PDB file of N, CA and C in Angstrom:
ATOM      1  N   UNK A   1      93.738  -6.493-142.249  1.00  0.00           N
ATOM      2  CA  UNK A   1      92.470  -7.070-141.895  1.00  0.00           C
ATOM      3  C   UNK A   1      92.130  -6.708-140.460  1.00  0.00           C
ATOM      4  N   UNK A   2      90.838  -6.430-140.247  1.00  0.00           N
ATOM      5  CA  UNK A   2      90.363  -6.086-138.918  1.00  0.00           C
ATOM      6  C   UNK A   2      89.957  -7.340-138.168  1.00  0.00           C
ATOM      7  N   UNK A   3      90.111  -7.276-136.843  1.00  0.00           N
ATOM      8  CA  UNK A   3      89.681  -8.383-135.996  1.00  0.00           C
ATOM      9  C   UNK A   3      88.623  -7.880-135.032  1.00  0.00           C
ATOM     10  N   UNK A   4      87.638  -8.745-134.770  1.00  0.00           N
ATOM     11  CA  UNK A   4      86.548  -8.429-133.862  1.00  0.00           C
ATOM     12  C   UNK A   4      86.415  -9.574-132.880  1.00  0.00           C
ATOM     13  N   UNK A   5      86.158  -9.250-131.613  1.00  0.00           N
ATOM     14  CA  UNK A   5      85.938 -10.281-130.604  1.00  0.00           C
ATOM     15  C   UNK A   5      84.487 -10.238-130.164  1.00  0.00           C
ATOM     16  N   UNK A   6      83.810 -11.382-130.249  1.00  0.00           N
ATOM     17  CA  UNK A   6      82.423 -11.517-129.823  1.00  0.00           C
ATOM     18  C   UNK A   6      82.333 -12.744-128.931  1.00  0.00           C
ATOM     19  N   UNK A   7      81.831 -12.560-127.707  1.00  0.00           N
ATOM     20  CA  UNK A   7      81.715 -13.676-126.752  1.00  0.00           C
ATOM     21  C   UNK A   7      83.021 -14.450-126.621  1.00  0.00           C
ATOM     22  N   UNK A   8      84.108 -13.739-126.471  1.00  0.00           N
ATOM     23  CA  UNK A   8      85.447 -14.316-126.291  1.00  0.00           C
ATOM     24  C   UNK A   8      85.946 -15.108-127.490  1.00  0.00           C
ATOM     25  N   UNK A   9      85.336 -14.930-128.651  1.00  0.00           N
ATOM     26  CA  UNK A   9      85.825 -15.569-129.868  1.00  0.00           C
ATOM     27  C   UNK A   9      86.293 -14.484-130.834  1.00  0.00           C
ATOM     28  N   UNK A  10      87.449 -14.706-131.451  1.00  0.00           N
ATOM     29  CA  UNK A  10      87.999 -13.744-132.394  1.00  0.00           C
ATOM     30  C   UNK A  10      87.532 -14.056-133.809  1.00  0.00           C
ATOM     31  N   UNK A  11      87.135 -13.017-134.533  1.00  0.00           N
ATOM     32  CA  UNK A  11      86.724 -13.137-135.921  1.00  0.00           C
ATOM     33  C   UNK A  11      87.515 -12.134-136.749  1.00  0.00           C
ATOM     34  N   UNK A  12      87.840 -12.509-137.973  1.00  0.00           N
ATOM     35  CA  UNK A  12      88.545 -11.622-138.887  1.00  0.00           C
ATOM     36  C   UNK A  12      87.585 -11.123-139.943  1.00  0.00           C
ATOM     37  N   UNK A  13      87.586  -9.803-140.149  1.00  0.00           N
ATOM     38  CA  UNK A  13      86.748  -9.201-141.182  1.00  0.00           C
ATOM     39  C   UNK A  13      87.593  -9.109-142.449  1.00  0.00           C
ATOM     40  N   UNK A  14      87.174  -9.818-143.500  1.00  0.00           N
ATOM     41  CA  UNK A  14      87.944  -9.862-144.731  1.00  0.00           C
ATOM     42  C   UNK A  14      87.593  -8.751-145.702  1.00  0.00           C
ATOM     43  N   UNK A  15      86.366  -8.296-145.677  1.00  0.00           N
ATOM     44  CA  UNK A  15      85.962  -7.271-146.635  1.00  0.00           C
ATOM     45  C   UNK A  15      84.806  -6.474-146.052  1.00  0.00           C
ATOM     46  N   UNK A  16      84.683  -5.255-146.516  1.00  0.00           N
ATOM     47  CA  UNK A  16      83.549  -4.414-146.163  1.00  0.00           C
ATOM     48  C   UNK A  16      82.835  -4.071-147.449  1.00  0.00           C
ATOM     49  N   UNK A  17      81.525  -4.156-147.409  1.00  0.00           N
ATOM     50  CA  UNK A  17      80.749  -3.970-148.618  1.00  0.00           C
ATOM     51  C   UNK A  17      79.581  -3.051-148.333  1.00  0.00           C
ATOM     52  N   UNK A  18      79.400  -2.047-149.177  1.00  0.00           N
ATOM     53  CA  UNK A  18      78.249  -1.172-149.078  1.00  0.00           C
ATOM     54  C   UNK A  18      77.548  -1.196-150.428  1.00  0.00           C
ATOM     55  N   UNK A  19      76.262  -1.448-150.401  1.00  0.00           N
ATOM     56  CA  UNK A  19      75.482  -1.492-151.629  1.00  0.00           C
ATOM     57  C   UNK A  19      74.526  -0.309-151.623  1.00  0.00           C
ATOM     58  N   UNK A  20      74.493   0.424-152.707  1.00  0.00           N
ATOM     59  CA  UNK A  20      73.589   1.563-152.855  1.00  0.00           C
ATOM     60  C   UNK A  20      72.645   1.261-154.006  1.00  0.00           C
ATOM     61  N   UNK A  21      71.340   1.288-153.734  1.00  0.00           N
ATOM     62  CA  UNK A  21      70.370   1.067-154.793  1.00  0.00           C
ATOM     63  C   UNK A  21      69.319   2.168-154.751  1.00  0.00           C
ATOM     64  N   UNK A  22      68.706   2.412-155.884  1.00  0.00           N
ATOM     65  CA  UNK A  22      67.578   3.322-155.986  1.00  0.00           C
ATOM     66  C   UNK A  22      66.415   2.533-156.558  1.00  0.00           C
ATOM     67  N   UNK A  23      65.265   2.578-155.880  1.00  0.00           N
ATOM     68  CA  UNK A  23      64.085   1.839-156.306  1.00  0.00           C
ATOM     69  C   UNK A  23      62.990   2.803-156.722  1.00  0.00           C
ATOM     70  N   UNK A  24      62.296   2.462-157.788  1.00  0.00           N
ATOM     71  CA  UNK A  24      61.061   3.158-158.137  1.00  0.00           C
ATOM     72  C   UNK A  24      59.983   2.096-158.197  1.00  0.00           C
ATOM     73  N   UNK A  25      58.906   2.325-157.494  1.00  0.00           N
ATOM     74  CA  UNK A  25      57.836   1.347-157.485  1.00  0.00           C
ATOM     75  C   UNK A  25      56.611   1.893-156.799  1.00  0.00           C
ATOM     76  N   UNK A  26      55.696   0.994-156.482  1.00  0.00           N
ATOM     77  CA  UNK A  26      54.450   1.373-155.824  1.00  0.00           C
ATOM     78  C   UNK A  26      54.365   0.703-154.454  1.00  0.00           C
ATOM     79  N   UNK A  27      53.721   1.412-153.526  1.00  0.00           N
ATOM     80  CA  UNK A  27      53.527   0.851-152.199  1.00  0.00           C
ATOM     81  C   UNK A  27      52.491  -0.263-152.247  1.00  0.00           C
ATOM     82  N   UNK A  28      52.782  -1.360-151.590  1.00  0.00           N
ATOM     83  CA  UNK A  28      51.867  -2.488-151.558  1.00  0.00           C
ATOM     84  C   UNK A  28      50.790  -2.340-150.497  1.00  0.00           C
ATOM     85  N   UNK A  29      50.997  -1.460-149.538  1.00  0.00           N
ATOM     86  CA  UNK A  29      50.036  -1.209-148.465  1.00  0.00           C
ATOM     87  C   UNK A  29      50.364   0.160-147.868  1.00  0.00           C
ATOM     88  N   UNK A  30      49.450   0.681-147.060  1.00  0.00           N
ATOM     89  CA  UNK A  30      49.733   1.946-146.388  1.00  0.00           C
ATOM     90  C   UNK A  30      50.959   1.785-145.490  1.00  0.00           C
ATOM     91  N   UNK A  31      51.803   2.816-145.411  1.00  0.00           N
ATOM     92  CA  UNK A  31      52.959   2.764-144.509  1.00  0.00           C
ATOM     93  C   UNK A  31      52.496   2.561-143.063  1.00  0.00           C
ATOM     94  N   UNK A  32      53.235   1.774-142.313  1.00  0.00           N
ATOM     95  CA  UNK A  32      52.854   1.492-140.928  1.00  0.00           C
ATOM     96  C   UNK A  32      53.922   1.996-139.965  1.00  0.00           C
ATOM     97  N   UNK A  33      53.485   2.714-138.931  1.00  0.00           N
ATOM     98  CA  UNK A  33      54.458   3.176-137.931  1.00  0.00           C
ATOM     99  C   UNK A  33      54.930   2.005-137.069  1.00  0.00           C
ATOM    100  N   UNK A  34      56.161   2.084-136.625  1.00  0.00           N
ATOM    101  CA  UNK A  34      56.727   1.085-135.714  1.00  0.00           C
ATOM    102  C   UNK A  34      57.344   1.846-134.550  1.00  0.00           C
ATOM    103  N   UNK A  35      56.537   2.106-133.537  1.00  0.00           N
ATOM    104  CA  UNK A  35      56.971   2.928-132.410  1.00  0.00           C
ATOM    105  C   UNK A  35      57.917   2.186-131.468  1.00  0.00           C
ATOM    106  N   UNK A  36      58.103   0.880-131.667  1.00  0.00           N
ATOM    107  CA  UNK A  36      59.011   0.121-130.803  1.00  0.00           C
ATOM    108  C   UNK A  36      60.446   0.620-130.908  1.00  0.00           C
ATOM    109  N   UNK A  37      60.815   1.172-132.055  1.00  0.00           N
ATOM    110  CA  UNK A  37      62.191   1.623-132.295  1.00  0.00           C
ATOM    111  C   UNK A  37      62.267   3.123-132.474  1.00  0.00           C
ATOM    112  N   UNK A  38      61.376   3.879-131.885  1.00  0.00           N
ATOM    113  CA  UNK A  38      61.353   5.323-132.060  1.00  0.00           C
ATOM    114  C   UNK A  38      60.444   5.686-133.217  1.00  0.00           C
ATOM    115  N   UNK A  39      60.735   6.779-133.873  1.00  0.00           N
ATOM    116  CA  UNK A  39      59.906   7.250-134.982  1.00  0.00           C
ATOM    117  C   UNK A  39      60.331   6.548-136.269  1.00  0.00           C
ATOM    118  N   UNK A  40      59.789   5.352-136.499  1.00  0.00           N
ATOM    119  CA  UNK A  40      60.140   4.534-137.659  1.00  0.00           C
ATOM    120  C   UNK A  40      58.859   4.182-138.408  1.00  0.00           C
ATOM    121  N   UNK A  41      58.929   4.199-139.739  1.00  0.00           N
ATOM    122  CA  UNK A  41      57.821   3.780-140.588  1.00  0.00           C
ATOM    123  C   UNK A  41      58.298   2.666-141.494  1.00  0.00           C
ATOM    124  N   UNK A  42      57.543   1.583-141.575  1.00  0.00           N
ATOM    125  CA  UNK A  42      57.857   0.462-142.458  1.00  0.00           C
ATOM    126  C   UNK A  42      56.901   0.472-143.641  1.00  0.00           C
ATOM    127  N   UNK A  43      57.425   0.114-144.823  1.00  0.00           N
ATOM    128  CA  UNK A  43      56.590   0.048-146.016  1.00  0.00           C
ATOM    129  C   UNK A  43      57.217  -0.909-147.016  1.00  0.00           C
ATOM    130  N   UNK A  44      56.374  -1.480-147.891  1.00  0.00           N
ATOM    131  CA  UNK A  44      56.827  -2.411-148.919  1.00  0.00           C
ATOM    132  C   UNK A  44      56.691  -1.760-150.289  1.00  0.00           C
ATOM    133  N   UNK A  45      57.722  -1.910-151.115  1.00  0.00           N
ATOM    134  CA  UNK A  45      57.729  -1.332-152.457  1.00  0.00           C
ATOM    135  C   UNK A  45      57.785  -2.466-153.479  1.00  0.00           C
ATOM    136  N   UNK A  46      56.857  -2.430-154.446  1.00  0.00           N
ATOM    137  CA  UNK A  46      56.840  -3.393-155.545  1.00  0.00           C
ATOM    138  C   UNK A  46      57.486  -2.743-156.754  1.00  0.00           C
ATOM    139  N   UNK A  47      58.496  -3.394-157.294  1.00  0.00           N
ATOM    140  CA  UNK A  47      59.197  -2.900-158.475  1.00  0.00           C
ATOM    141  C   UNK A  47      58.861  -3.833-159.628  1.00  0.00           C
ATOM    142  N   UNK A  48      58.142  -3.332-160.614  1.00  0.00           N
ATOM    143  CA  UNK A  48      57.649  -4.143-161.729  1.00  0.00           C
ATOM    144  C   UNK A  48      58.476  -3.821-162.967  1.00  0.00           C
ATOM    145  N   UNK A  49      59.061  -4.823-163.588  1.00  0.00           N
ATOM    146  CA  UNK A  49      59.990  -4.605-164.699  1.00  0.00           C
ATOM    147  C   UNK A  49      59.389  -4.889-166.074  1.00  0.00           C
ATOM    148  N   UNK A  50      58.073  -4.857-166.228  1.00  0.00           N
ATOM    149  CA  UNK A  50      57.488  -5.036-167.552  1.00  0.00           C
ATOM    150  C   UNK A  50      56.334  -6.009-167.576  1.00  0.00           C
ATOM    151  N   UNK A  51      55.716  -6.110-168.742  1.00  0.00           N
ATOM    152  CA  UNK A  51      54.565  -6.998-168.905  1.00  0.00           C
ATOM    153  C   UNK A  51      54.973  -8.447-168.687  1.00  0.00           C
ATOM    154  N   UNK A  52      54.021  -9.197-168.159  1.00  0.00           N
ATOM    155  CA  UNK A  52      54.173 -10.649-167.966  1.00  0.00           C
ATOM    156  C   UNK A  52      55.332 -11.031-167.048  1.00  0.00           C
ATOM    157  N   UNK A  53      55.783 -10.105-166.215  1.00  0.00           N
ATOM    158  CA  UNK A  53      56.838 -10.416-165.251  1.00  0.00           C
ATOM    159  C   UNK A  53      56.317 -10.117-163.851  1.00  0.00           C
ATOM    160  N   UNK A  54      56.719 -10.932-162.906  1.00  0.00           N
ATOM    161  CA  UNK A  54      56.314 -10.708-161.523  1.00  0.00           C
ATOM    162  C   UNK A  54      57.086  -9.534-160.940  1.00  0.00           C
ATOM    163  N   UNK A  55      56.456  -8.851-159.994  1.00  0.00           N
ATOM    164  CA  UNK A  55      57.104  -7.730-159.320  1.00  0.00           C
ATOM    165  C   UNK A  55      58.087  -8.253-158.275  1.00  0.00           C
ATOM    166  N   UNK A  56      59.152  -7.510-158.064  1.00  0.00           N
ATOM    167  CA  UNK A  56      60.068  -7.771-156.963  1.00  0.00           C
ATOM    168  C   UNK A  56      59.625  -6.892-155.799  1.00  0.00           C
ATOM    169  N   UNK A  57      59.578  -7.443-154.606  1.00  0.00           N
ATOM    170  CA  UNK A  57      59.135  -6.714-153.424  1.00  0.00           C
ATOM    171  C   UNK A  57      60.319  -6.400-152.522  1.00  0.00           C
ATOM    172  N   UNK A  58      60.345  -5.188-151.978  1.00  0.00           N
ATOM    173  CA  UNK A  58      61.408  -4.740-151.092  1.00  0.00           C
ATOM    174  C   UNK A  58      60.799  -4.200-149.807  1.00  0.00           C
ATOM    175  N   UNK A  59      61.321  -4.641-148.669  1.00  0.00           N
ATOM    176  CA  UNK A  59      60.906  -4.123-147.368  1.00  0.00           C
ATOM    177  C   UNK A  59      61.773  -2.912-147.053  1.00  0.00           C
ATOM    178  N   UNK A  60      61.138  -1.803-146.726  1.00  0.00           N
ATOM    179  CA  UNK A  60      61.864  -0.552-146.484  1.00  0.00           C
ATOM    180  C   UNK A  60      61.466   0.029-145.131  1.00  0.00           C
ATOM    181  N   UNK A  61      62.356   0.851-144.585  1.00  0.00           N
ATOM    182  CA  UNK A  61      62.087   1.579-143.344  1.00  0.00           C
ATOM    183  C   UNK A  61      62.592   2.999-143.493  1.00  0.00           C
ATOM    184  N   UNK A  62      61.899   3.931-142.861  1.00  0.00           N
ATOM    185  CA  UNK A  62      62.318   5.333-142.835  1.00  0.00           C
ATOM    186  C   UNK A  62      62.257   5.807-141.386  1.00  0.00           C
ATOM    187  N   UNK A  63      63.094   6.772-141.038  1.00  0.00           N
ATOM    188  CA  UNK A  63      63.183   7.254-139.675  1.00  0.00           C
ATOM    189  C   UNK A  63      62.901   8.750-139.611  1.00  0.00           C
ATOM    190  N   UNK A  64      62.501   9.210-138.424  1.00  0.00           N
ATOM    191  CA  UNK A  64      62.349  10.611-138.051  1.00  0.00           C
ATOM    192  C   UNK A  64      61.457  11.397-139.006  1.00  0.00           C
ATOM    193  N   UNK A  65      61.937  12.535-139.505  1.00  0.00           N
ATOM    194  CA  UNK A  65      61.110  13.402-140.346  1.00  0.00           C
ATOM    195  C   UNK A  65      60.687  12.709-141.642  1.00  0.00           C
ATOM    196  N   UNK A  66      61.564  11.918-142.234  1.00  0.00           N
ATOM    197  CA  UNK A  66      61.207  11.187-143.453  1.00  0.00           C
ATOM    198  C   UNK A  66      60.079  10.196-143.173  1.00  0.00           C
ATOM    199  N   UNK A  67      60.113   9.538-142.027  1.00  0.00           N
ATOM    200  CA  UNK A  67      59.036   8.621-141.635  1.00  0.00           C
ATOM    201  C   UNK A  67      57.710   9.367-141.540  1.00  0.00           C
ATOM    202  N   UNK A  68      57.717  10.551-140.935  1.00  0.00           N
ATOM    203  CA  UNK A  68      56.498  11.362-140.825  1.00  0.00           C
ATOM    204  C   UNK A  68      55.955  11.727-142.193  1.00  0.00           C
ATOM    205  N   UNK A  69      56.837  12.146-143.107  1.00  0.00           N
ATOM    206  CA  UNK A  69      56.402  12.558-144.447  1.00  0.00           C
ATOM    207  C   UNK A  69      55.852  11.386-145.259  1.00  0.00           C
ATOM    208  N   UNK A  70      56.450  10.232-145.138  1.00  0.00           N
ATOM    209  CA  UNK A  70      55.949   9.066-145.868  1.00  0.00           C
ATOM    210  C   UNK A  70      54.561   8.684-145.363  1.00  0.00           C
ATOM    211  N   UNK A  71      54.368   8.688-144.040  1.00  0.00           N
ATOM    212  CA  UNK A  71      53.027   8.385-143.497  1.00  0.00           C
ATOM    213  C   UNK A  71      52.000   9.428-143.923  1.00  0.00           C
ATOM    214  N   UNK A  72      52.425  10.675-144.041  1.00  0.00           N
ATOM    215  CA  UNK A  72      51.501  11.766-144.372  1.00  0.00           C
ATOM    216  C   UNK A  72      51.094  11.751-145.844  1.00  0.00           C
ATOM    217  N   UNK A  73      52.041  11.491-146.752  1.00  0.00           N
ATOM    218  CA  UNK A  73      51.801  11.710-148.177  1.00  0.00           C
ATOM    219  C   UNK A  73      51.599  10.454-149.017  1.00  0.00           C
ATOM    220  N   UNK A  74      51.923   9.279-148.524  1.00  0.00           N
ATOM    221  CA  UNK A  74      51.872   8.073-149.349  1.00  0.00           C
ATOM    222  C   UNK A  74      50.842   7.077-148.840  1.00  0.00           C
ATOM    223  N   UNK A  75      50.143   6.418-149.783  1.00  0.00           N
ATOM    224  CA  UNK A  75      49.137   5.398-149.498  1.00  0.00           C
ATOM    225  C   UNK A  75      49.353   4.208-150.425  1.00  0.00           C
ATOM    226  N   UNK A  76      48.576   3.151-150.237  1.00  0.00           N
ATOM    227  CA  UNK A  76      48.648   1.972-151.094  1.00  0.00           C
ATOM    228  C   UNK A  76      48.559   2.389-152.557  1.00  0.00           C
ATOM    229  N   UNK A  77      49.495   1.917-153.372  1.00  0.00           N
ATOM    230  CA  UNK A  77      49.496   2.222-154.804  1.00  0.00           C
ATOM    231  C   UNK A  77      50.253   3.468-155.190  1.00  0.00           C
ATOM    232  N   UNK A  78      50.667   4.292-154.220  1.00  0.00           N
ATOM    233  CA  UNK A  78      51.433   5.499-154.536  1.00  0.00           C
ATOM    234  C   UNK A  78      52.781   5.140-155.138  1.00  0.00           C
ATOM    235  N   UNK A  79      53.195   5.912-156.124  1.00  0.00           N
ATOM    236  CA  UNK A  79      54.529   5.725-156.707  1.00  0.00           C
ATOM    237  C   UNK A  79      55.532   6.394-155.778  1.00  0.00           C
ATOM    238  N   UNK A  80      56.635   5.694-155.504  1.00  0.00           N
ATOM    239  CA  UNK A  80      57.663   6.210-154.610  1.00  0.00           C
ATOM    240  C   UNK A  80      59.028   5.858-155.176  1.00  0.00           C
ATOM    241  N   UNK A  81      59.990   6.739-154.963  1.00  0.00           N
ATOM    242  CA  UNK A  81      61.397   6.483-155.305  1.00  0.00           C
ATOM    243  C   UNK A  81      62.174   6.481-154.009  1.00  0.00           C
ATOM    244  N   UNK A  82      62.876   5.390-153.759  1.00  0.00           N
ATOM    245  CA  UNK A  82      63.647   5.228-152.525  1.00  0.00           C
ATOM    246  C   UNK A  82      65.109   5.121-152.888  1.00  0.00           C
TER     247      UNK A  82
END
């Protein structure tokens, strides 16, 4: 087990977890640049799983060249795979 010290307090890391998902959905609004953190674009993806079901919404971010391409090619309602 790994140990980490933060503000003079020791913490033990019991597990490490990485989740990988692939989303297909539509953009809920035009992608928006966020220049506060460099070349970053934020966008929301709605994933709809069938008739009479509500969509699940996911907040996404892209950086650098991918951020530029998303702002250039995608608009509200565009289908995107993330």
